[in-house]
Amino acid sequence: MSTTLPAPLQLDLRGLRCPLPLLRLKMQLAQLPAGSRVIALSSDPGSAQDIPRFLAQAGHELLAMSCQDQVWSFDLRKRMA
């Protein structure tokens, strides 16, 4: 019996300036169940420091982070309860 994991939530934060990308990510995470995956995209350069720092402090897991064409991509998992 296989278990299919839900697709990660895609959160498009491009075009938003600090502090909005981080605030919107926090609001979205608060509404999701534990263990949920999110892929967030941000064009704000400050997100490269702000989002990983927040995730570490809040106990969430940063699975991958990359930047292409000045857009940062964050693949993360919400902490387990």
PDB file of N, CA and C in Angstrom:
ATOM      1  N   MET A   1       0.851  -1.176   0.000  1.00  0.00           N
ATOM      2  CA  MET A   1       0.000   0.000   0.000  1.00  0.00           C
ATOM      3  C   MET A   1       0.894   1.236   0.000  1.00  0.00           C
ATOM      4  N   SER A   2       0.786   2.059  -1.029  1.00  0.00           N
ATOM      5  CA  SER A   2       1.641   3.242  -1.108  1.00  0.00           C
ATOM      6  C   SER A   2       0.884   4.481  -0.644  1.00  0.00           C
ATOM      7  N   THR A   3       1.631   5.384  -0.057  1.00  0.00           N
ATOM      8  CA  THR A   3       1.055   6.634   0.403  1.00  0.00           C
ATOM      9  C   THR A   3       1.529   7.749  -0.521  1.00  0.00           C
ATOM     10  N   THR A   4       0.590   8.464  -1.089  1.00  0.00           N
ATOM     11  CA  THR A   4       0.936   9.564  -1.980  1.00  0.00           C
ATOM     12  C   THR A   4       0.991  10.849  -1.167  1.00  0.00           C
ATOM     13  N   LEU A   5       2.128  11.488  -1.212  1.00  0.00           N
ATOM     14  CA  LEU A   5       2.275  12.754  -0.505  1.00  0.00           C
ATOM     15  C   LEU A   5       1.652  13.873  -1.327  1.00  0.00           C
ATOM     16  N   PRO A   6       1.002  14.830  -0.654  1.00  0.00           N
ATOM     17  CA  PRO A   6       0.430  15.950  -1.402  1.00  0.00           C
ATOM     18  C   PRO A   6       1.543  16.790  -2.041  1.00  0.00           C
ATOM     19  N   ALA A   7       1.229  17.378  -3.165  1.00  0.00           N
ATOM     20  CA  ALA A   7       2.201  18.248  -3.838  1.00  0.00           C
ATOM     21  C   ALA A   7       2.495  19.455  -2.949  1.00  0.00           C
ATOM     22  N   PRO A   8       3.723  19.957  -3.000  1.00  0.00           N
ATOM     23  CA  PRO A   8       4.043  21.143  -2.204  1.00  0.00           C
ATOM     24  C   PRO A   8       3.184  22.337  -2.622  1.00  0.00           C
ATOM     25  N   LEU A   9       2.849  23.158  -1.664  1.00  0.00           N
ATOM     26  CA  LEU A   9       2.143  24.405  -1.942  1.00  0.00           C
ATOM     27  C   LEU A   9       3.113  25.352  -2.640  1.00  0.00           C
ATOM     28  N   GLN A  10       2.699  25.970  -3.713  1.00  0.00           N
ATOM     29  CA  GLN A  10       3.517  26.954  -4.418  1.00  0.00           C
ATOM     30  C   GLN A  10       3.118  28.341  -3.908  1.00  0.00           C
ATOM     31  N   LEU A  11       4.065  29.074  -3.354  1.00  0.00           N
ATOM     32  CA  LEU A  11       3.804  30.395  -2.801  1.00  0.00           C
ATOM     33  C   LEU A  11       4.632  31.416  -3.569  1.00  0.00           C
ATOM     34  N   ASP A  12       3.981  32.243  -4.375  1.00  0.00           N
ATOM     35  CA  ASP A  12       4.660  33.216  -5.220  1.00  0.00           C
ATOM     36  C   ASP A  12       4.734  34.562  -4.498  1.00  0.00           C
ATOM     37  N   LEU A  13       5.930  34.899  -4.048  1.00  0.00           N
ATOM     38  CA  LEU A  13       6.165  36.146  -3.313  1.00  0.00           C
ATOM     39  C   LEU A  13       6.944  37.153  -4.160  1.00  0.00           C
ATOM     40  N   ARG A  14       7.098  36.857  -5.441  1.00  0.00           N
ATOM     41  CA  ARG A  14       7.864  37.741  -6.331  1.00  0.00           C
ATOM     42  C   ARG A  14       7.189  39.098  -6.432  1.00  0.00           C
ATOM     43  N   GLY A  15       8.036  40.135  -6.471  1.00  0.00           N
ATOM     44  CA  GLY A  15       7.544  41.498  -6.579  1.00  0.00           C
ATOM     45  C   GLY A  15       7.282  42.163  -5.238  1.00  0.00           C
ATOM     46  N   LEU A  16       7.290  41.389  -4.163  1.00  0.00           N
ATOM     47  CA  LEU A  16       7.071  41.949  -2.821  1.00  0.00           C
ATOM     48  C   LEU A  16       8.406  42.361  -2.223  1.00  0.00           C
ATOM     49  N   ARG A  17       8.407  43.426  -1.466  1.00  0.00           N
ATOM     50  CA  ARG A  17       9.612  43.919  -0.803  1.00  0.00           C
ATOM     51  C   ARG A  17       9.541  43.650   0.688  1.00  0.00           C
ATOM     52  N   CYS A  18      10.711  43.567   1.285  1.00  0.00           N
ATOM     53  CA  CYS A  18      10.876  43.335   2.711  1.00  0.00           C
ATOM     54  C   CYS A  18      10.005  44.319   3.487  1.00  0.00           C
ATOM     55  N   PRO A  19       9.267  43.859   4.449  1.00  0.00           N
ATOM     56  CA  PRO A  19       9.228  42.530   5.071  1.00  0.00           C
ATOM     57  C   PRO A  19       8.113  41.617   4.546  1.00  0.00           C
ATOM     58  N   LEU A  20       7.439  42.020   3.469  1.00  0.00           N
ATOM     59  CA  LEU A  20       6.261  41.279   3.028  1.00  0.00           C
ATOM     60  C   LEU A  20       6.503  39.815   2.651  1.00  0.00           C
ATOM     61  N   PRO A  21       7.590  39.454   1.959  1.00  0.00           N
ATOM     62  CA  PRO A  21       7.759  38.023   1.662  1.00  0.00           C
ATOM     63  C   PRO A  21       7.786  37.149   2.920  1.00  0.00           C
ATOM     64  N   LEU A  22       8.514  37.579   3.919  1.00  0.00           N
ATOM     65  CA  LEU A  22       8.599  36.809   5.159  1.00  0.00           C
ATOM     66  C   LEU A  22       7.259  36.797   5.893  1.00  0.00           C
ATOM     67  N   LEU A  23       6.583  37.924   5.951  1.00  0.00           N
ATOM     68  CA  LEU A  23       5.292  37.984   6.642  1.00  0.00           C
ATOM     69  C   LEU A  23       4.257  37.084   5.971  1.00  0.00           C
ATOM     70  N   ARG A  24       4.213  37.094   4.661  1.00  0.00           N
ATOM     71  CA  ARG A  24       3.257  36.243   3.935  1.00  0.00           C
ATOM     72  C   ARG A  24       3.590  34.763   4.127  1.00  0.00           C
ATOM     73  N   LEU A  25       4.874  34.437   4.134  1.00  0.00           N
ATOM     74  CA  LEU A  25       5.270  33.053   4.381  1.00  0.00           C
ATOM     75  C   LEU A  25       4.842  32.620   5.777  1.00  0.00           C
ATOM     76  N   LYS A  26       5.077  33.461   6.770  1.00  0.00           N
ATOM     77  CA  LYS A  26       4.674  33.140   8.144  1.00  0.00           C
ATOM     78  C   LYS A  26       3.173  32.911   8.234  1.00  0.00           C
ATOM     79  N   MET A  27       2.383  33.789   7.594  1.00  0.00           N
ATOM     80  CA  MET A  27       0.922  33.660   7.625  1.00  0.00           C
ATOM     81  C   MET A  27       0.480  32.352   6.974  1.00  0.00           C
ATOM     82  N   GLN A  28       1.099  31.989   5.860  1.00  0.00           N
ATOM     83  CA  GLN A  28       0.729  30.758   5.170  1.00  0.00           C
ATOM     84  C   GLN A  28       1.085  29.534   6.009  1.00  0.00           C
ATOM     85  N   LEU A  29       2.276  29.540   6.593  1.00  0.00           N
ATOM     86  CA  LEU A  29       2.689  28.405   7.423  1.00  0.00           C
ATOM     87  C   LEU A  29       1.756  28.207   8.613  1.00  0.00           C
ATOM     88  N   ALA A  30       1.253  29.294   9.179  1.00  0.00           N
ATOM     89  CA  ALA A  30       0.357  29.200  10.332  1.00  0.00           C
ATOM     90  C   ALA A  30      -0.937  28.470   9.974  1.00  0.00           C
ATOM     91  N   GLN A  31      -1.320  28.480   8.702  1.00  0.00           N
ATOM     92  CA  GLN A  31      -2.577  27.864   8.274  1.00  0.00           C
ATOM     93  C   GLN A  31      -2.409  26.411   7.808  1.00  0.00           C
ATOM     94  N   LEU A  32      -1.181  25.965   7.665  1.00  0.00           N
ATOM     95  CA  LEU A  32      -0.920  24.625   7.131  1.00  0.00           C
ATOM     96  C   LEU A  32      -0.702  23.600   8.247  1.00  0.00           C
ATOM     97  N   PRO A  33      -1.037  22.349   7.971  1.00  0.00           N
ATOM     98  CA  PRO A  33      -0.766  21.314   8.975  1.00  0.00           C
ATOM     99  C   PRO A  33       0.739  21.014   9.070  1.00  0.00           C
ATOM    100  N   ALA A  34       1.135  20.458  10.190  1.00  0.00           N
ATOM    101  CA  ALA A  34       2.531  20.079  10.408  1.00  0.00           C
ATOM    102  C   ALA A  34       2.978  19.120   9.318  1.00  0.00           C
ATOM    103  N   GLY A  35       4.228  19.279   8.878  1.00  0.00           N
ATOM    104  CA  GLY A  35       4.794  18.411   7.861  1.00  0.00           C
ATOM    105  C   GLY A  35       4.527  18.861   6.437  1.00  0.00           C
ATOM    106  N   SER A  36       3.734  19.915   6.266  1.00  0.00           N
ATOM    107  CA  SER A  36       3.423  20.409   4.923  1.00  0.00           C
ATOM    108  C   SER A  36       4.671  20.948   4.248  1.00  0.00           C
ATOM    109  N   ARG A  37       4.723  20.761   2.929  1.00  0.00           N
ATOM    110  CA  ARG A  37       5.838  21.314   2.148  1.00  0.00           C
ATOM    111  C   ARG A  37       5.367  22.538   1.395  1.00  0.00           C
ATOM    112  N   VAL A  38       6.275  23.508   1.302  1.00  0.00           N
ATOM    113  CA  VAL A  38       6.003  24.759   0.597  1.00  0.00           C
ATOM    114  C   VAL A  38       7.201  25.068  -0.288  1.00  0.00           C
ATOM    115  N   ILE A  39       6.928  25.518  -1.494  1.00  0.00           N
ATOM    116  CA  ILE A  39       7.971  26.073  -2.347  1.00  0.00           C
ATOM    117  C   ILE A  39       7.630  27.544  -2.511  1.00  0.00           C
ATOM    118  N   ALA A  40       8.474  28.401  -1.961  1.00  0.00           N
ATOM    119  CA  ALA A  40       8.260  29.842  -1.999  1.00  0.00           C
ATOM    120  C   ALA A  40       9.257  30.478  -2.952  1.00  0.00           C
ATOM    121  N   LEU A  41       8.767  31.405  -3.767  1.00  0.00           N
ATOM    122  CA  LEU A  41       9.612  32.151  -4.700  1.00  0.00           C
ATOM    123  C   LEU A  41       9.603  33.615  -4.299  1.00  0.00           C
ATOM    124  N   SER A  42      10.779  34.229  -4.248  1.00  0.00           N
ATOM    125  CA  SER A  42      10.888  35.631  -3.867  1.00  0.00           C
ATOM    126  C   SER A  42      11.959  36.327  -4.702  1.00  0.00           C
ATOM    127  N   SER A  43      11.646  37.543  -5.137  1.00  0.00           N
ATOM    128  CA  SER A  43      12.620  38.342  -5.882  1.00  0.00           C
ATOM    129  C   SER A  43      13.299  39.375  -4.986  1.00  0.00           C
ATOM    130  N   ASP A  44      12.926  39.414  -3.712  1.00  0.00           N
ATOM    131  CA  ASP A  44      13.542  40.354  -2.769  1.00  0.00           C
ATOM    132  C   ASP A  44      14.877  39.791  -2.291  1.00  0.00           C
ATOM    133  N   PRO A  45      15.992  40.495  -2.551  1.00  0.00           N
ATOM    134  CA  PRO A  45      17.307  39.967  -2.159  1.00  0.00           C
ATOM    135  C   PRO A  45      17.432  39.673  -0.659  1.00  0.00           C
ATOM    136  N   GLY A  46      16.731  40.418   0.164  1.00  0.00           N
ATOM    137  CA  GLY A  46      16.791  40.204   1.608  1.00  0.00           C
ATOM    138  C   GLY A  46      16.235  38.856   2.040  1.00  0.00           C
ATOM    139  N   SER A  47      15.397  38.277   1.204  1.00  0.00           N
ATOM    140  CA  SER A  47      14.815  36.973   1.531  1.00  0.00           C
ATOM    141  C   SER A  47      15.878  35.888   1.662  1.00  0.00           C
ATOM    142  N   ALA A  48      16.985  36.050   0.963  1.00  0.00           N
ATOM    143  CA  ALA A  48      18.061  35.055   1.010  1.00  0.00           C
ATOM    144  C   ALA A  48      18.619  34.888   2.418  1.00  0.00           C
ATOM    145  N   GLN A  49      18.527  35.924   3.238  1.00  0.00           N
ATOM    146  CA  GLN A  49      18.957  35.822   4.631  1.00  0.00           C
ATOM    147  C   GLN A  49      17.770  35.664   5.574  1.00  0.00           C
ATOM    148  N   ASP A  50      16.693  36.420   5.305  1.00  0.00           N
ATOM    149  CA  ASP A  50      15.558  36.461   6.227  1.00  0.00           C
ATOM    150  C   ASP A  50      14.827  35.125   6.343  1.00  0.00           C
ATOM    151  N   ILE A  51      14.533  34.507   5.211  1.00  0.00           N
ATOM    152  CA  ILE A  51      13.722  33.289   5.244  1.00  0.00           C
ATOM    153  C   ILE A  51      14.472  32.120   5.880  1.00  0.00           C
ATOM    154  N   PRO A  52      15.725  31.829   5.485  1.00  0.00           N
ATOM    155  CA  PRO A  52      16.431  30.729   6.179  1.00  0.00           C
ATOM    156  C   PRO A  52      16.595  30.977   7.680  1.00  0.00           C
ATOM    157  N   ARG A  53      16.848  32.218   8.067  1.00  0.00           N
ATOM    158  CA  ARG A  53      16.999  32.539   9.493  1.00  0.00           C
ATOM    159  C   ARG A  53      15.691  32.274  10.235  1.00  0.00           C
ATOM    160  N   PHE A  54      14.583  32.738   9.675  1.00  0.00           N
ATOM    161  CA  PHE A  54      13.279  32.505  10.297  1.00  0.00           C
ATOM    162  C   PHE A  54      12.981  31.007  10.411  1.00  0.00           C
ATOM    163  N   LEU A  55      13.217  30.267   9.327  1.00  0.00           N
ATOM    164  CA  LEU A  55      12.933  28.834   9.338  1.00  0.00           C
ATOM    165  C   LEU A  55      13.716  28.120  10.432  1.00  0.00           C
ATOM    166  N   ALA A  56      14.994  28.460  10.570  1.00  0.00           N
ATOM    167  CA  ALA A  56      15.832  27.839  11.602  1.00  0.00           C
ATOM    168  C   ALA A  56      15.326  28.194  13.005  1.00  0.00           C
ATOM    169  N   GLN A  57      14.981  29.451  13.222  1.00  0.00           N
ATOM    170  CA  GLN A  57      14.511  29.882  14.541  1.00  0.00           C
ATOM    171  C   GLN A  57      13.175  29.255  14.909  1.00  0.00           C
ATOM    172  N   ALA A  58      12.322  29.052  13.910  1.00  0.00           N
ATOM    173  CA  ALA A  58      10.982  28.526  14.169  1.00  0.00           C
ATOM    174  C   ALA A  58      10.945  26.995  14.152  1.00  0.00           C
ATOM    175  N   GLY A  59      12.055  26.350  13.787  1.00  0.00           N
ATOM    176  CA  GLY A  59      12.108  24.895  13.792  1.00  0.00           C
ATOM    177  C   GLY A  59      11.615  24.238  12.523  1.00  0.00           C
ATOM    178  N   HIS A  60      11.415  25.025  11.463  1.00  0.00           N
ATOM    179  CA  HIS A  60      11.015  24.465  10.171  1.00  0.00           C
ATOM    180  C   HIS A  60      12.268  23.968   9.451  1.00  0.00           C
ATOM    181  N   GLU A  61      12.083  23.154   8.424  1.00  0.00           N
ATOM    182  CA  GLU A  61      13.214  22.553   7.716  1.00  0.00           C
ATOM    183  C   GLU A  61      13.361  23.154   6.322  1.00  0.00           C
ATOM    184  N   LEU A  62      14.523  23.705   6.036  1.00  0.00           N
ATOM    185  CA  LEU A  62      14.842  24.190   4.702  1.00  0.00           C
ATOM    186  C   LEU A  62      15.439  23.022   3.932  1.00  0.00           C
ATOM    187  N   LEU A  63      14.694  22.516   2.948  1.00  0.00           N
ATOM    188  CA  LEU A  63      15.125  21.354   2.192  1.00  0.00           C
ATOM    189  C   LEU A  63      16.081  21.732   1.068  1.00  0.00           C
ATOM    190  N   ALA A  64      15.834  22.869   0.444  1.00  0.00           N
ATOM    191  CA  ALA A  64      16.684  23.340  -0.649  1.00  0.00           C
ATOM    192  C   ALA A  64      16.456  24.823  -0.847  1.00  0.00           C
ATOM    193  N   MET A  65      17.502  25.471  -1.352  1.00  0.00           N
ATOM    194  CA  MET A  65      17.444  26.908  -1.624  1.00  0.00           C
ATOM    195  C   MET A  65      18.295  27.170  -2.846  1.00  0.00           C
ATOM    196  N   SER A  66      17.777  27.967  -3.777  1.00  0.00           N
ATOM    197  CA  SER A  66      18.549  28.284  -4.979  1.00  0.00           C
ATOM    198  C   SER A  66      18.124  29.647  -5.501  1.00  0.00           C
ATOM    199  N   CYS A  67      18.939  30.180  -6.407  1.00  0.00           N
ATOM    200  CA  CYS A  67      18.629  31.462  -7.027  1.00  0.00           C
ATOM    201  C   CYS A  67      18.891  31.347  -8.524  1.00  0.00           C
ATOM    202  N   GLN A  68      17.891  31.760  -9.302  1.00  0.00           N
ATOM    203  CA  GLN A  68      18.037  31.765 -10.752  1.00  0.00           C
ATOM    204  C   GLN A  68      17.323  33.001 -11.284  1.00  0.00           C
ATOM    205  N   ASP A  69      18.028  33.762 -12.120  1.00  0.00           N
ATOM    206  CA  ASP A  69      17.464  34.984 -12.716  1.00  0.00           C
ATOM    207  C   ASP A  69      16.930  35.932 -11.649  1.00  0.00           C
ATOM    208  N   GLN A  70      17.645  36.078 -10.558  1.00  0.00           N
ATOM    209  CA  GLN A  70      17.331  36.978  -9.450  1.00  0.00           C
ATOM    210  C   GLN A  70      16.036  36.611  -8.726  1.00  0.00           C
ATOM    211  N   VAL A  71      15.652  35.347  -8.805  1.00  0.00           N
ATOM    212  CA  VAL A  71      14.499  34.848  -8.052  1.00  0.00           C
ATOM    213  C   VAL A  71      14.985  33.720  -7.151  1.00  0.00           C
ATOM    214  N   TRP A  72      14.771  33.893  -5.855  1.00  0.00           N
ATOM    215  CA  TRP A  72      15.148  32.893  -4.868  1.00  0.00           C
ATOM    216  C   TRP A  72      14.025  31.877  -4.732  1.00  0.00           C
ATOM    217  N   SER A  73      14.403  30.614  -4.643  1.00  0.00           N
ATOM    218  CA  SER A  73      13.449  29.526  -4.443  1.00  0.00           C
ATOM    219  C   SER A  73      13.791  28.832  -3.126  1.00  0.00           C
ATOM    220  N   PHE A  74      12.779  28.653  -2.292  1.00  0.00           N
ATOM    221  CA  PHE A  74      12.944  28.005  -0.988  1.00  0.00           C
ATOM    222  C   PHE A  74      11.998  26.811  -0.933  1.00  0.00           C
ATOM    223  N   ASP A  75      12.542  25.619  -0.790  1.00  0.00           N
ATOM    224  CA  ASP A  75      11.753  24.407  -0.629  1.00  0.00           C
ATOM    225  C   ASP A  75      11.824  24.057   0.854  1.00  0.00           C
ATOM    226  N   LEU A  76      10.696  24.076   1.521  1.00  0.00           N
ATOM    227  CA  LEU A  76      10.718  23.908   2.972  1.00  0.00           C
ATOM    228  C   LEU A  76       9.605  22.994   3.454  1.00  0.00           C
ATOM    229  N   ARG A  77       9.784  22.494   4.666  1.00  0.00           N
ATOM    230  CA  ARG A  77       8.778  21.666   5.330  1.00  0.00           C
ATOM    231  C   ARG A  77       8.466  22.282   6.685  1.00  0.00           C
ATOM    232  N   LYS A  78       7.167  22.422   6.932  1.00  0.00           N
ATOM    233  CA  LYS A  78       6.726  22.958   8.235  1.00  0.00           C
ATOM    234  C   LYS A  78       7.072  21.952   9.326  1.00  0.00           C
ATOM    235  N   ARG A  79       7.508  22.464  10.444  1.00  0.00           N
ATOM    236  CA  ARG A  79       7.918  21.591  11.543  1.00  0.00           C
ATOM    237  C   ARG A  79       6.751  20.718  12.005  1.00  0.00           C
ATOM    238  N   MET A  80       7.128  19.579  12.512  1.00  0.00           N
ATOM    239  CA  MET A  80       6.127  18.681  13.078  1.00  0.00           C
ATOM    240  C   MET A  80       5.721  19.244  14.437  1.00  0.00           C
ATOM    241  N   ALA A  81       4.473  19.132  14.749  1.00  0.00           N
ATOM    242  CA  ALA A  81       3.914  19.695  15.989  1.00  0.00           C
ATOM    243  C   ALA A  81       4.856  19.531  17.119  1.00  0.00           C
TER     244      ALA A  81
END
